[in-house]
Protein backbone atom coordinates (compact mmCIF):
# COMPACT_ATOMS: atom_id res chain seq x y z
CA UNK A 1 -31.00 60.27 45.34
CA UNK A 2 -28.59 62.72 43.39
CA UNK A 3 -26.49 60.77 40.68
CA UNK A 4 -28.84 57.87 40.27
CA UNK A 5 -30.84 57.66 36.84
CA UNK A 6 -32.30 53.94 37.17
CA UNK A 7 -33.13 52.53 33.79
CA UNK A 8 -33.75 49.15 35.09
CA UNK A 9 -37.11 47.01 35.25
CA UNK A 10 -38.70 47.26 38.53
CA UNK A 11 -38.64 43.41 38.95
CA UNK A 12 -34.70 43.33 38.44
CA UNK A 13 -34.28 46.23 40.70
CA UNK A 14 -36.35 44.34 43.47
CA UNK A 15 -34.29 41.14 43.12
CA UNK A 16 -30.88 43.35 43.36
CA UNK A 17 -32.09 45.15 46.46
CA UNK A 18 -33.42 42.07 48.41
CA UNK A 19 -29.91 40.45 47.27
CA UNK A 20 -27.95 43.23 48.92
CA UNK A 21 -29.82 43.31 52.03
CA UNK A 22 -30.03 39.68 52.41
CA UNK A 23 -26.26 39.01 51.97
CA UNK A 24 -25.60 41.73 54.62
CA UNK A 25 -28.17 40.02 57.09
CA UNK A 26 -26.58 36.49 56.40
CA UNK A 27 -23.02 38.07 56.89
CA UNK A 28 -23.84 39.50 60.31
CA UNK A 29 -25.92 36.54 61.54
CA UNK A 30 -23.00 34.10 60.51
CA UNK A 31 -20.86 35.89 62.88
CA UNK A 32 -23.34 35.08 65.74
CA UNK A 33 -21.99 37.86 67.84
CA UNK A 34 -19.73 40.99 67.12
CA UNK A 35 -17.59 40.68 70.38
CA UNK A 36 -15.05 37.98 69.00
CA UNK A 37 -11.58 36.88 70.05
CA UNK A 38 -8.84 37.56 67.47
CA UNK A 39 -8.81 33.79 66.50
CA UNK A 40 -12.42 34.12 65.94
CA UNK A 41 -12.42 37.27 64.10
CA UNK A 42 -9.34 36.83 61.89
CA UNK A 43 -9.26 32.95 61.53
CA UNK A 44 -13.08 31.77 61.81
CA UNK A 45 -11.96 29.89 65.19
CA UNK A 46 -10.09 27.59 62.66
CA UNK A 47 -13.34 25.93 61.89
CA UNK A 48 -13.59 25.84 58.12
CA UNK A 49 -14.18 22.51 56.22
CA UNK A 50 -12.64 21.85 52.80
CA UNK A 51 -15.72 22.54 50.78
CA UNK A 52 -16.02 25.91 52.39
CA UNK A 53 -12.21 26.67 52.19
CA UNK A 54 -12.48 25.72 48.55
CA UNK A 55 -15.73 27.77 47.74
CA UNK A 56 -14.36 30.72 49.50
CA UNK A 57 -10.95 30.49 47.67
CA UNK A 58 -12.97 30.61 44.46
CA UNK A 59 -15.34 33.32 45.38
CA UNK A 60 -12.43 35.57 46.88
CA UNK A 61 -10.61 35.20 43.58
CA UNK A 62 -13.46 35.73 41.07
CA UNK A 63 -14.28 39.64 41.27
CA UNK A 64 -16.26 41.91 38.68
CA UNK A 65 -13.09 42.24 37.05
CA UNK A 66 -12.99 38.68 36.01
CA UNK A 67 -16.89 38.68 35.00
CA UNK A 68 -16.19 41.98 32.72
CA UNK A 69 -12.63 41.86 31.95
CA UNK A 70 -12.32 38.14 30.73
CA UNK A 71 -15.49 38.84 28.72
CA UNK A 72 -13.83 41.82 27.36
CA UNK A 73 -10.43 39.89 26.71
CA UNK A 74 -12.42 36.94 24.88
CA UNK A 75 -13.96 39.55 22.68
CA UNK A 76 -10.77 41.03 21.86
CA UNK A 77 -7.81 38.24 22.04
CA UNK A 78 -9.89 35.04 22.78
CA UNK A 79 -9.48 32.04 24.88
CA UNK A 80 -5.76 32.74 25.56
CA UNK A 81 -6.79 34.91 28.41
CA UNK A 82 -8.17 31.48 30.16
CA UNK A 83 -4.64 30.64 30.97
CA UNK A 84 -4.94 32.78 33.97
CA UNK A 85 -7.56 30.37 35.10
CA UNK A 86 -6.25 27.02 34.28
CA UNK A 87 -2.68 28.07 35.41
CA UNK A 88 -4.22 28.87 38.76
CA UNK A 89 -5.27 25.40 39.14
CA UNK A 90 -1.65 24.41 39.01
CA UNK A 91 -0.59 27.02 41.51
CA UNK A 92 -3.53 25.94 43.89
CA UNK A 93 -1.96 22.21 43.71
CA UNK A 94 1.34 23.75 44.74
CA UNK A 95 -0.57 25.50 47.60
CA UNK A 96 -2.28 22.16 49.01
CA UNK A 97 0.68 20.09 48.47
CA UNK A 98 3.88 22.35 49.25
CA UNK A 99 2.65 25.25 51.31
CA UNK A 100 -0.51 24.32 53.37
CA UNK A 101 1.14 21.61 55.51
CA UNK A 102 3.69 24.18 56.83
CA UNK A 103 1.07 26.79 57.30
CA UNK A 104 -1.19 24.33 59.20
CA UNK A 105 1.47 22.85 61.30
CA UNK A 106 3.36 26.26 62.42
CA UNK A 107 -0.34 27.41 63.64
CA UNK A 108 0.24 30.83 61.76
CA UNK A 109 -2.40 33.60 61.71
CA UNK A 110 -1.06 35.45 58.82
CA UNK A 111 1.64 34.73 55.94
CA UNK A 112 4.01 37.38 57.09
CA UNK A 113 4.01 35.40 60.60
CA UNK A 114 5.38 32.45 58.60
CA UNK A 115 8.04 34.43 56.88
CA UNK A 116 9.12 35.65 60.41
CA UNK A 117 9.53 31.88 61.60
CA UNK A 118 11.45 31.15 58.58
CA UNK A 119 13.55 34.29 58.50
CA UNK A 120 13.09 37.42 60.73
CA UNK A 121 10.70 39.74 62.13
CA UNK A 122 11.73 42.41 59.75
CA UNK A 123 11.00 40.22 56.54
CA UNK A 124 7.46 39.81 58.39
CA UNK A 125 7.03 43.68 58.49
CA UNK A 126 8.13 44.14 55.08
CA UNK A 127 5.76 41.42 53.66
CA UNK A 128 2.88 42.74 55.76
CA UNK A 129 3.19 46.43 54.14
CA UNK A 130 3.43 44.83 50.56
CA UNK A 131 0.41 42.47 51.30
CA UNK A 132 -1.74 45.60 52.47
CA UNK A 133 -0.58 47.59 49.04
CA UNK A 134 -1.95 44.69 47.10
CA UNK A 135 -5.02 44.52 48.97
CA UNK A 136 -5.60 48.39 48.25
CA UNK A 137 -4.26 48.62 44.75
CA UNK A 138 -5.31 45.27 43.27
CA UNK A 139 -8.09 43.52 45.23
CA UNK A 140 -10.26 46.43 46.28
CA UNK A 141 -9.37 49.40 44.17
CA UNK A 142 -9.56 47.79 40.73
CA UNK A 143 -12.58 45.78 41.73
CA UNK A 144 -14.56 48.92 42.95
CA UNK A 145 -13.76 50.43 39.62
CA UNK A 146 -14.69 47.60 37.39
CA UNK A 147 -18.27 47.28 38.97
CA UNK A 148 -18.64 51.03 38.90
CA UNK A 149 -17.64 51.48 35.40
CA UNK A 150 -20.34 48.78 34.37
CA UNK A 151 -23.01 50.01 36.64
CA UNK A 152 -22.78 53.36 35.19
CA UNK A 153 -23.57 52.08 31.69
CA UNK A 154 -25.98 49.29 32.75
CA UNK A 155 -28.12 50.93 35.20
CA UNK A 156 -27.50 54.71 34.90
CA UNK A 157 -25.77 54.85 38.32
CA UNK A 158 -22.57 57.38 38.22
CA UNK A 159 -19.32 55.91 39.10
CA UNK A 160 -18.99 57.86 42.34
CA UNK A 161 -22.27 56.95 43.74
CA UNK A 162 -21.90 53.37 42.83
CA UNK A 163 -18.53 53.35 44.71
CA UNK A 164 -19.94 54.49 47.84
CA UNK A 165 -23.18 52.17 47.80
CA UNK A 166 -21.23 49.06 47.25
CA UNK A 167 -18.16 49.78 49.40
CA UNK A 168 -20.39 50.68 52.28
CA UNK A 169 -22.52 47.50 52.00
CA UNK A 170 -19.69 45.20 51.82
CA UNK A 171 -17.65 47.02 54.81
CA UNK A 172 -20.59 46.74 57.12
CA UNK A 173 -20.82 42.92 57.35
CA UNK A 174 -17.04 42.40 56.85
CA UNK A 175 -15.65 44.82 59.42
CA UNK A 176 -18.27 43.50 62.03
CA UNK A 177 -18.31 39.98 61.19
CA UNK A 178 -14.72 39.11 60.50
CA UNK A 179 -13.55 36.11 58.60
CA UNK A 180 -16.58 33.75 59.44
CA UNK A 181 -18.87 36.28 57.91
CA UNK A 182 -16.67 36.63 55.04
CA UNK A 183 -16.30 32.99 54.12
CA UNK A 184 -20.03 32.20 54.75
CA UNK A 185 -21.19 35.00 52.40
CA UNK A 186 -18.61 33.92 49.86
CA UNK A 187 -19.86 30.42 49.79
CA UNK A 188 -23.15 31.57 48.85
CA UNK A 189 -21.67 34.15 46.43
CA UNK A 190 -19.88 31.51 44.62
CA UNK A 191 -22.92 29.72 43.81
CA UNK A 192 -24.89 32.72 42.63
CA UNK A 193 -21.83 33.61 40.78
CA UNK A 194 -21.47 30.60 38.83
CA UNK A 195 -25.21 30.13 38.00
CA UNK A 196 -25.26 33.71 36.64
CA UNK A 197 -22.15 33.18 34.38
CA UNK A 198 -23.55 29.95 33.33
CA UNK A 199 -26.79 31.53 32.48
CA UNK A 200 -25.14 34.27 30.22
CA UNK A 201 -23.13 31.45 28.46
CA UNK A 202 -26.21 29.33 27.80
CA UNK A 203 -28.32 32.34 26.41
CA UNK A 204 -25.36 33.37 24.27
CA UNK A 205 -24.61 29.71 22.71
CA UNK A 206 -28.67 29.66 22.03
CA UNK A 207 -28.58 32.64 20.02
CA UNK A 208 -25.83 31.76 17.74
CA UNK A 209 -28.28 29.76 15.25
CA UNK A 210 -30.33 32.72 14.82
CA UNK A 211 -27.18 34.64 13.45
CA UNK A 212 -26.51 31.81 11.21
CA UNK A 213 -24.05 29.94 13.21
CA UNK A 214 -25.07 26.00 13.38
CA UNK A 215 -21.85 24.31 13.68
CA UNK A 216 -18.12 24.50 14.98
CA UNK A 217 -16.83 25.32 11.40
CA UNK A 218 -19.17 28.13 10.96
CA UNK A 219 -18.27 29.57 14.61
CA UNK A 220 -14.35 29.33 14.00
CA UNK A 221 -14.88 31.05 10.34
CA UNK A 222 -16.53 34.01 12.14
CA UNK A 223 -13.81 34.53 14.55
CA UNK A 224 -10.27 36.20 14.57
CA UNK A 225 -7.56 33.91 14.03
CA UNK A 226 -6.47 31.82 17.06
CA UNK A 227 -9.50 33.36 19.04
CA UNK A 228 -10.25 29.74 20.11
CA UNK A 229 -6.66 28.86 20.92
CA UNK A 230 -5.27 28.71 24.60
CA UNK A 231 -1.63 28.32 23.49
CA UNK A 232 -0.46 31.26 21.17
CA UNK A 233 2.99 31.79 19.59
CA UNK A 234 2.46 35.41 18.39
CA UNK A 235 0.18 37.02 20.99
CA UNK A 236 -0.70 40.49 20.53
CA UNK A 237 -0.75 41.22 24.28
CA UNK A 238 2.42 39.22 25.30
CA UNK A 239 0.72 35.92 26.33
CA UNK A 240 2.77 33.70 24.06
CA UNK A 241 2.82 30.14 25.38
CA UNK A 242 6.49 30.69 26.86
CA UNK A 243 5.60 33.95 28.65
CA UNK A 244 2.53 32.19 30.37
CA UNK A 245 4.91 29.21 31.08
CA UNK A 246 7.52 31.44 32.74
CA UNK A 247 5.62 34.37 33.97
CA UNK A 248 2.14 32.99 35.38
CA UNK A 249 3.96 30.81 38.24
CA UNK A 250 5.67 33.95 39.49
CA UNK A 251 2.25 35.69 39.77
CA UNK A 252 0.14 32.50 40.75
CA UNK A 253 2.63 31.37 43.49
CA UNK A 254 2.49 35.02 45.04
CA UNK A 255 -1.39 35.20 44.58
CA UNK A 256 -2.37 31.71 45.51
CA UNK A 257 0.28 30.63 47.95
CA UNK A 258 1.40 33.69 49.66
CA UNK A 259 -1.24 36.41 49.61
CA UNK A 260 -2.88 36.80 52.83
CA UNK A 261 -6.42 37.73 50.92
CA UNK A 262 -6.49 34.44 49.37
CA UNK A 263 -4.61 32.16 51.90
CA UNK A 264 -6.31 33.33 54.94
CA UNK A 265 -9.09 30.66 54.19
CA UNK A 266 -6.56 28.01 54.41
CA UNK A 267 -5.12 29.40 57.64
CA UNK A 268 -8.82 29.15 58.97
CA UNK A 269 -9.16 25.35 58.22
CA UNK A 270 -10.10 22.96 60.81
CA UNK A 271 -7.59 20.36 60.03
CA UNK A 272 -4.38 19.65 57.78
CA UNK A 273 -6.62 17.63 55.50
CA UNK A 274 -9.10 20.51 55.03
CA UNK A 275 -6.40 23.02 54.48
CA UNK A 276 -5.12 20.69 51.37
CA UNK A 277 -8.30 19.48 50.06
CA UNK A 278 -9.63 23.09 49.96
CA UNK A 279 -7.15 24.28 47.51
CA UNK A 280 -7.53 21.24 45.24
CA UNK A 281 -11.45 21.84 45.41
CA UNK A 282 -10.83 25.43 44.27
CA UNK A 283 -8.60 23.91 41.65
CA UNK A 284 -11.33 22.01 40.02
CA UNK A 285 -13.62 25.26 40.05
CA UNK A 286 -10.93 27.05 38.24
CA UNK A 287 -11.42 24.72 35.21
CA UNK A 288 -14.83 26.49 34.89
CA UNK A 289 -14.06 30.32 34.03
CA UNK A 290 -12.63 29.95 30.36
CA UNK A 291 -15.89 28.34 29.41
CA UNK A 292 -18.38 30.68 31.57
CA UNK A 293 -16.37 33.79 31.44
CA UNK A 294 -14.04 33.93 28.41
CA UNK A 295 -16.13 31.99 26.04
CA UNK A 296 -19.16 34.33 26.35
CA UNK A 297 -16.98 37.21 25.34
CA UNK A 298 -15.51 35.30 22.33
CA UNK A 299 -19.50 34.36 21.28
CA UNK A 300 -19.95 38.33 21.86
CA UNK A 301 -17.77 38.87 19.16
CA UNK A 302 -19.62 36.89 16.72
CA UNK A 303 -23.11 38.22 17.92
CA UNK A 304 -22.55 41.85 18.67
CA UNK A 305 -19.39 43.03 17.42
CA UNK A 306 -21.20 45.79 15.57
CA UNK A 307 -22.94 46.99 18.61
CA UNK A 308 -19.71 46.66 21.19
CA UNK A 309 -17.19 48.05 18.67
CA UNK A 310 -13.96 49.08 20.21
CA UNK A 311 -15.35 49.41 23.66
CA UNK A 312 -14.76 45.68 24.67
CA UNK A 313 -15.33 46.32 28.25
CA UNK A 314 -19.24 46.70 27.40
CA UNK A 315 -19.12 42.98 26.06
CA UNK A 316 -20.90 41.44 29.27
CA UNK A 317 -23.08 44.36 29.55
CA UNK A 318 -24.37 44.04 25.91
CA UNK A 319 -24.54 40.33 26.17
CA UNK A 320 -26.73 40.72 29.24
CA UNK A 321 -29.03 43.40 27.85
CA UNK A 322 -29.48 41.95 24.46
CA UNK A 323 -29.87 38.36 25.59
CA UNK A 324 -31.27 38.06 29.20
CA UNK A 325 -35.04 38.66 30.10
CA UNK A 326 -36.36 40.48 32.96
CA UNK A 327 -35.95 38.75 36.33
CA UNK A 328 -32.89 36.66 35.11
CA UNK A 329 -31.10 40.00 34.47
CA UNK A 330 -31.60 41.07 38.18
CA UNK A 331 -30.14 37.55 39.01
CA UNK A 332 -27.13 38.32 36.58
CA UNK A 333 -26.51 41.63 38.41
CA UNK A 334 -26.66 39.83 41.80
CA UNK A 335 -23.86 37.59 40.30
CA UNK A 336 -21.83 40.79 39.49
CA UNK A 337 -22.68 42.09 42.80
CA UNK A 338 -21.41 38.66 44.49
CA UNK A 339 -18.30 38.64 42.67
CA UNK A 340 -17.53 42.43 43.73
CA UNK A 341 -18.43 41.99 47.31
CA UNK A 342 -16.60 38.79 47.96
CA UNK A 343 -13.43 40.29 46.58
CA UNK A 344 -13.70 43.31 48.75
CA UNK A 345 -14.74 41.66 51.91
CA UNK A 346 -11.82 39.15 51.57
CA UNK A 347 -9.25 41.95 50.73
CA UNK A 348 -10.78 44.16 53.68
CA UNK A 349 -10.40 41.13 56.30
CA UNK A 350 -6.87 40.19 55.29
CA UNK A 351 -5.87 43.89 55.45
CA UNK A 352 -7.34 44.14 59.10
CA UNK A 353 -5.40 40.94 59.80
CA UNK A 354 -2.32 42.23 58.44
CA UNK A 355 -2.38 45.34 60.36
CA UNK A 356 -3.61 44.14 63.62
CA UNK A 357 -1.45 41.03 64.00
CA UNK A 358 1.73 41.71 61.83
CA UNK A 359 2.39 45.35 62.42
CA UNK A 360 0.51 46.62 65.62
CA UNK A 361 0.95 43.46 67.60
CA UNK A 362 4.66 43.11 66.64
CA UNK A 363 5.24 46.71 67.71
CA UNK A 364 3.19 46.26 70.88
CA UNK A 365 3.09 42.70 72.09
CA UNK A 366 1.09 43.53 75.15
CA UNK A 367 -1.89 44.96 73.32
CA UNK A 368 -5.23 43.35 74.51
CA UNK A 369 -7.14 40.91 72.47
CA UNK A 370 -10.19 43.27 72.17
CA UNK A 371 -8.11 46.31 71.19
CA UNK A 372 -6.49 44.09 68.47
CA UNK A 373 -9.95 43.19 67.11
CA UNK A 374 -10.68 47.08 67.25
CA UNK A 375 -7.85 48.17 65.57
CA UNK A 376 -8.37 45.55 62.87
CA UNK A 377 -11.93 47.06 62.09
CA UNK A 378 -10.73 50.52 61.93
CA UNK A 379 -7.88 49.69 59.69
CA UNK A 380 -10.25 47.75 57.31
CA UNK A 381 -12.14 51.15 57.21
CA UNK A 382 -9.24 53.39 56.46
CA UNK A 383 -8.20 50.75 53.65
CA UNK A 384 -11.62 50.86 52.33
CA UNK A 385 -11.59 54.57 51.98
CA UNK A 386 -8.19 54.66 50.61
CA UNK A 387 -9.06 52.00 47.91
CA UNK A 388 -12.10 54.12 47.13
CA UNK A 389 -9.76 57.10 46.22
CA UNK A 390 -7.51 54.99 44.13
CA UNK A 391 -10.33 53.23 42.28
CA UNK A 392 -11.07 56.63 40.55
CA UNK A 393 -7.80 56.12 38.74
CA UNK A 394 -8.97 52.82 37.20
CA UNK A 395 -9.67 54.71 33.71
CA UNK A 396 -5.83 55.25 33.06
CA UNK A 397 -5.76 51.39 32.13
CA UNK A 398 -7.20 50.34 28.69
CA UNK A 399 -7.99 46.91 30.31
CA UNK A 400 -9.12 46.31 33.70
CA UNK A 401 -8.04 42.59 33.85
CA UNK A 402 -4.65 43.44 32.29
CA UNK A 403 -4.23 46.04 34.90
CA UNK A 404 -4.54 44.03 38.14
CA UNK A 405 -2.13 41.55 36.60
CA UNK A 406 0.39 44.41 35.19
CA UNK A 407 0.42 45.68 38.85
CA UNK A 408 0.78 42.25 40.48
CA UNK A 409 3.73 41.74 38.00
CA UNK A 410 5.52 44.51 39.73
CA UNK A 411 4.73 43.21 43.29
CA UNK A 412 4.98 39.42 43.11
CA UNK A 413 8.43 38.41 42.02
CA UNK A 414 10.42 39.13 45.48
CA UNK A 415 7.58 37.28 47.24
CA UNK A 416 7.51 34.20 45.31
CA UNK A 417 11.32 34.06 45.53
CA UNK A 418 11.76 34.42 49.21
CA UNK A 419 8.80 31.82 49.78
CA UNK A 420 9.81 29.28 47.04
CA UNK A 421 13.66 29.34 48.01
CA UNK A 422 12.55 29.45 51.80
CA UNK A 423 10.80 26.23 51.76
CA UNK A 424 12.85 24.31 49.36
CA UNK A 425 16.59 25.59 50.24
CA UNK A 426 17.71 25.31 53.78
CA UNK A 427 20.74 27.45 53.02
CA UNK A 428 18.52 30.55 52.69
CA UNK A 429 19.31 33.26 55.23
CA UNK A 430 17.18 35.95 57.03
CA UNK A 431 19.62 38.57 55.48
CA UNK A 432 18.78 37.20 51.93
CA UNK A 433 15.23 37.33 52.41
CA UNK A 434 15.26 40.88 53.51
CA UNK A 435 17.60 42.06 50.86
CA UNK A 436 15.35 40.38 48.51
CA UNK A 437 12.26 41.95 49.64
CA UNK A 438 13.47 45.41 49.94
CA UNK A 439 15.23 45.20 46.51
CA UNK A 440 12.49 43.70 44.75
CA UNK A 441 9.67 45.87 46.33
CA UNK A 442 11.77 49.14 45.34
CA UNK A 443 12.10 47.72 41.61
CA UNK A 444 8.44 46.99 41.64
CA UNK A 445 7.63 50.60 42.57
CA UNK A 446 9.70 51.85 39.97
CA UNK A 447 8.37 49.53 37.24
CA UNK A 448 4.74 50.49 38.55
CA UNK A 449 5.55 54.23 38.06
CA UNK A 450 7.11 53.76 34.54
CA UNK A 451 4.46 51.68 33.15
CA UNK A 452 1.60 53.91 34.73
CA UNK A 453 0.07 56.09 32.06
CA UNK A 454 0.51 58.95 34.21
CA UNK A 455 1.58 61.32 31.48
CA UNK A 456 0.22 60.28 28.00
CA UNK A 457 -0.79 56.83 27.29
CA UNK A 458 2.52 55.14 26.58
CA UNK A 459 4.10 52.75 29.07
CA UNK A 460 7.73 52.89 29.25
CA UNK A 461 8.52 49.17 29.92
CA UNK A 462 5.89 47.49 27.94
CA UNK A 463 5.96 49.82 24.82
CA UNK A 464 9.30 51.23 24.75
CA UNK A 465 11.48 48.56 25.83
CA UNK A 466 8.90 45.83 24.50
CA UNK A 467 8.75 43.70 27.62
CA UNK A 468 5.22 42.64 28.34
CA UNK A 469 4.07 42.34 32.03
CA UNK A 470 4.36 38.39 32.05
CA UNK A 471 8.11 38.51 31.05
CA UNK A 472 8.58 41.51 33.41
CA UNK A 473 7.51 39.21 36.23
CA UNK A 474 9.81 36.39 35.05
CA UNK A 475 13.00 38.55 34.72
CA UNK A 476 12.49 40.28 37.98
CA UNK A 477 11.93 36.80 39.72
CA UNK A 478 15.39 35.78 38.23
CA UNK A 479 16.68 38.88 39.56
CA UNK A 480 15.28 38.53 43.20
CA UNK A 481 16.54 34.75 42.94
CA UNK A 482 20.00 35.90 42.13
CA UNK A 483 19.96 38.36 44.92
CA UNK A 484 18.54 35.66 47.33
CA UNK A 485 21.16 33.12 46.59
CA UNK A 486 24.42 35.32 46.53
CA UNK A 487 23.23 37.12 50.01
CA UNK A 488 22.59 33.68 51.35
CA UNK A 489 26.07 32.33 50.31
CA UNK A 490 27.59 35.46 51.73
CA UNK A 491 26.07 35.34 55.11
CA UNK A 492 25.79 32.94 58.09
CA UNK A 493 23.79 29.54 57.55
CA UNK A 494 20.79 29.39 59.54
CA UNK A 495 20.62 26.64 62.31
CA UNK A 496 19.08 23.25 61.60
CA UNK A 497 16.79 23.73 64.44
CA UNK A 498 15.33 26.98 63.46
CA UNK A 499 14.27 25.74 60.05
CA UNK A 500 13.55 21.93 60.49
CA UNK A 501 9.74 22.35 60.30
CA UNK A 502 9.76 24.94 58.03
CA UNK A 503 11.51 23.62 54.97
CA UNK A 504 11.34 20.42 52.95
CA UNK A 505 14.49 18.29 53.26
CA UNK A 506 14.20 17.90 49.30
CA UNK A 507 11.29 18.39 46.71
CA UNK A 508 10.68 14.80 46.46
CA UNK A 509 9.47 14.70 50.11
CA UNK A 510 6.27 16.79 49.03
CA UNK A 511 5.08 13.33 47.67
CA UNK A 512 6.69 10.78 49.75
CA UNK A 513 6.76 12.17 53.40
CA UNK A 514 3.46 10.62 54.49
CA UNK A 515 1.84 7.20 53.78
CA UNK A 516 -0.67 7.29 50.90
CA UNK A 517 -4.40 7.11 52.01
CA UNK A 518 -6.01 6.08 48.68
CA UNK A 519 -8.24 7.81 46.27
CA UNK A 520 -9.09 10.60 49.11
CA UNK A 521 -5.36 11.38 49.51
CA UNK A 522 -4.67 14.83 48.40
CA UNK A 523 -1.66 13.96 46.32
CA UNK A 524 -3.96 11.42 44.41
CA UNK A 525 -6.45 14.04 43.87
CA UNK A 526 -3.63 16.51 42.88
CA UNK A 527 -2.51 13.89 40.28
CA UNK A 528 -6.10 13.58 38.89
CA UNK A 529 -6.36 17.19 38.51
CA UNK A 530 -3.15 17.62 36.57
CA UNK A 531 -4.45 15.03 34.32
CA UNK A 532 -7.69 16.79 33.51
CA UNK A 533 -5.75 19.89 33.31
CA UNK A 534 -3.33 18.58 30.64
CA UNK A 535 -6.12 17.07 28.79
CA UNK A 536 -7.88 20.39 28.41
CA UNK A 537 -4.72 21.87 27.11
CA UNK A 538 -4.45 19.39 24.49
CA UNK A 539 -8.03 19.84 23.43
CA UNK A 540 -7.92 23.52 23.39
CA UNK A 541 -4.09 24.05 22.14
């Protein structure tokens, strides 16, 4: 095939091919049939148990960007990038306790539908458009580029060929099988992903003595200053502790609590308990990545910095090539594919849902169920093609992982604002939500263009104005919140009947609304998870 110059052992190649074919077959078989109702196609018939919801949340999030990008970030700056994983645990607790009860009780199919119930149909359509943009630019486009760039170096497959092969394989079972096919394959892929990452980490640790590193003191001495620290005061990439504390919740609440690509798994839960426990289970899983994704990059700096040099994105491929034997190398590659395919599949299914349910069905309410599914499948194909085109621009960014979060910082603030104010402040109005979404989205587009290195390599906001992307997210959230509050106070108060089932009377009701059910109560588990998280921060501060 033109464009392929394979330089991989035949055993590893067989493992990769078997995996690719196997995961497509499993995805298609899990769907059972291709003629599905919209409820089955978009929400898996609301049949998902909490372990499946949690594993699917984890797999939908962890992509090749994480495997490659976090290793590269660990190599460059260190464990500080692990904050994106541990802070995700905090926002998953918010999803499970604050948002999931409303999502389940209101029987919504999409997050924009919830916004319509709380505010208006106009807000629903605006959010759907923003969510589709996120799926295209962040979830799919950057994931495809990350994998293609690695595969070119690792297997001798050129970027364009890699993009086409991976995209087509993933699209087959996602477009035909719907959410059930996606979550079943994601559950399998999350296991493969963790096993692959743990394998690389262990081989890297076991290689340290051969390089003269036999103790923690020697390990620290071989690193850059603060490379093992999670909390920094003078971060070169703008990840100071206060930027993480203020900026990450803005990105995290958007991503984990309001983004259709992620939350669709919660919407497919079979009960409210499953909808709440699933995110908490995912929260426990998110404690792992700093140790199995970031730490290998830190170790890579000690072992192979002369070989890796300035090209940090090659940290993971170098670790695999230098440390992993034939056979296991194929398994690790399968983990890379698992991460990529699960992320693309999740985003494709959510984009199909948003187009069919939130846009087409709103414009044409009498559309048949069968046509709705067909439109969903067609829109998934269109989004995939557009994302493939956008993915070719990934080289404009110096860091893949930073790129997705920088783009998210432009998109997240208005969405986080209208959801947070919407569930906690009953005075919030539909006019305020619409004004916040439109103005925030407009500001985000401007910020995206100013910080996209189209002409040269300098980012105007980040470099010239000196505002790193995490603080951009925080200040834009503050602006959006001011807009929301002012417009709400200047417009008619919503009726009590229209918002009673969509808002908390007061924040404390999150913990006191229902009777505690012992150790298995979601609130008890959430407190335990918070204690573990705090302990980890104390240890790795």
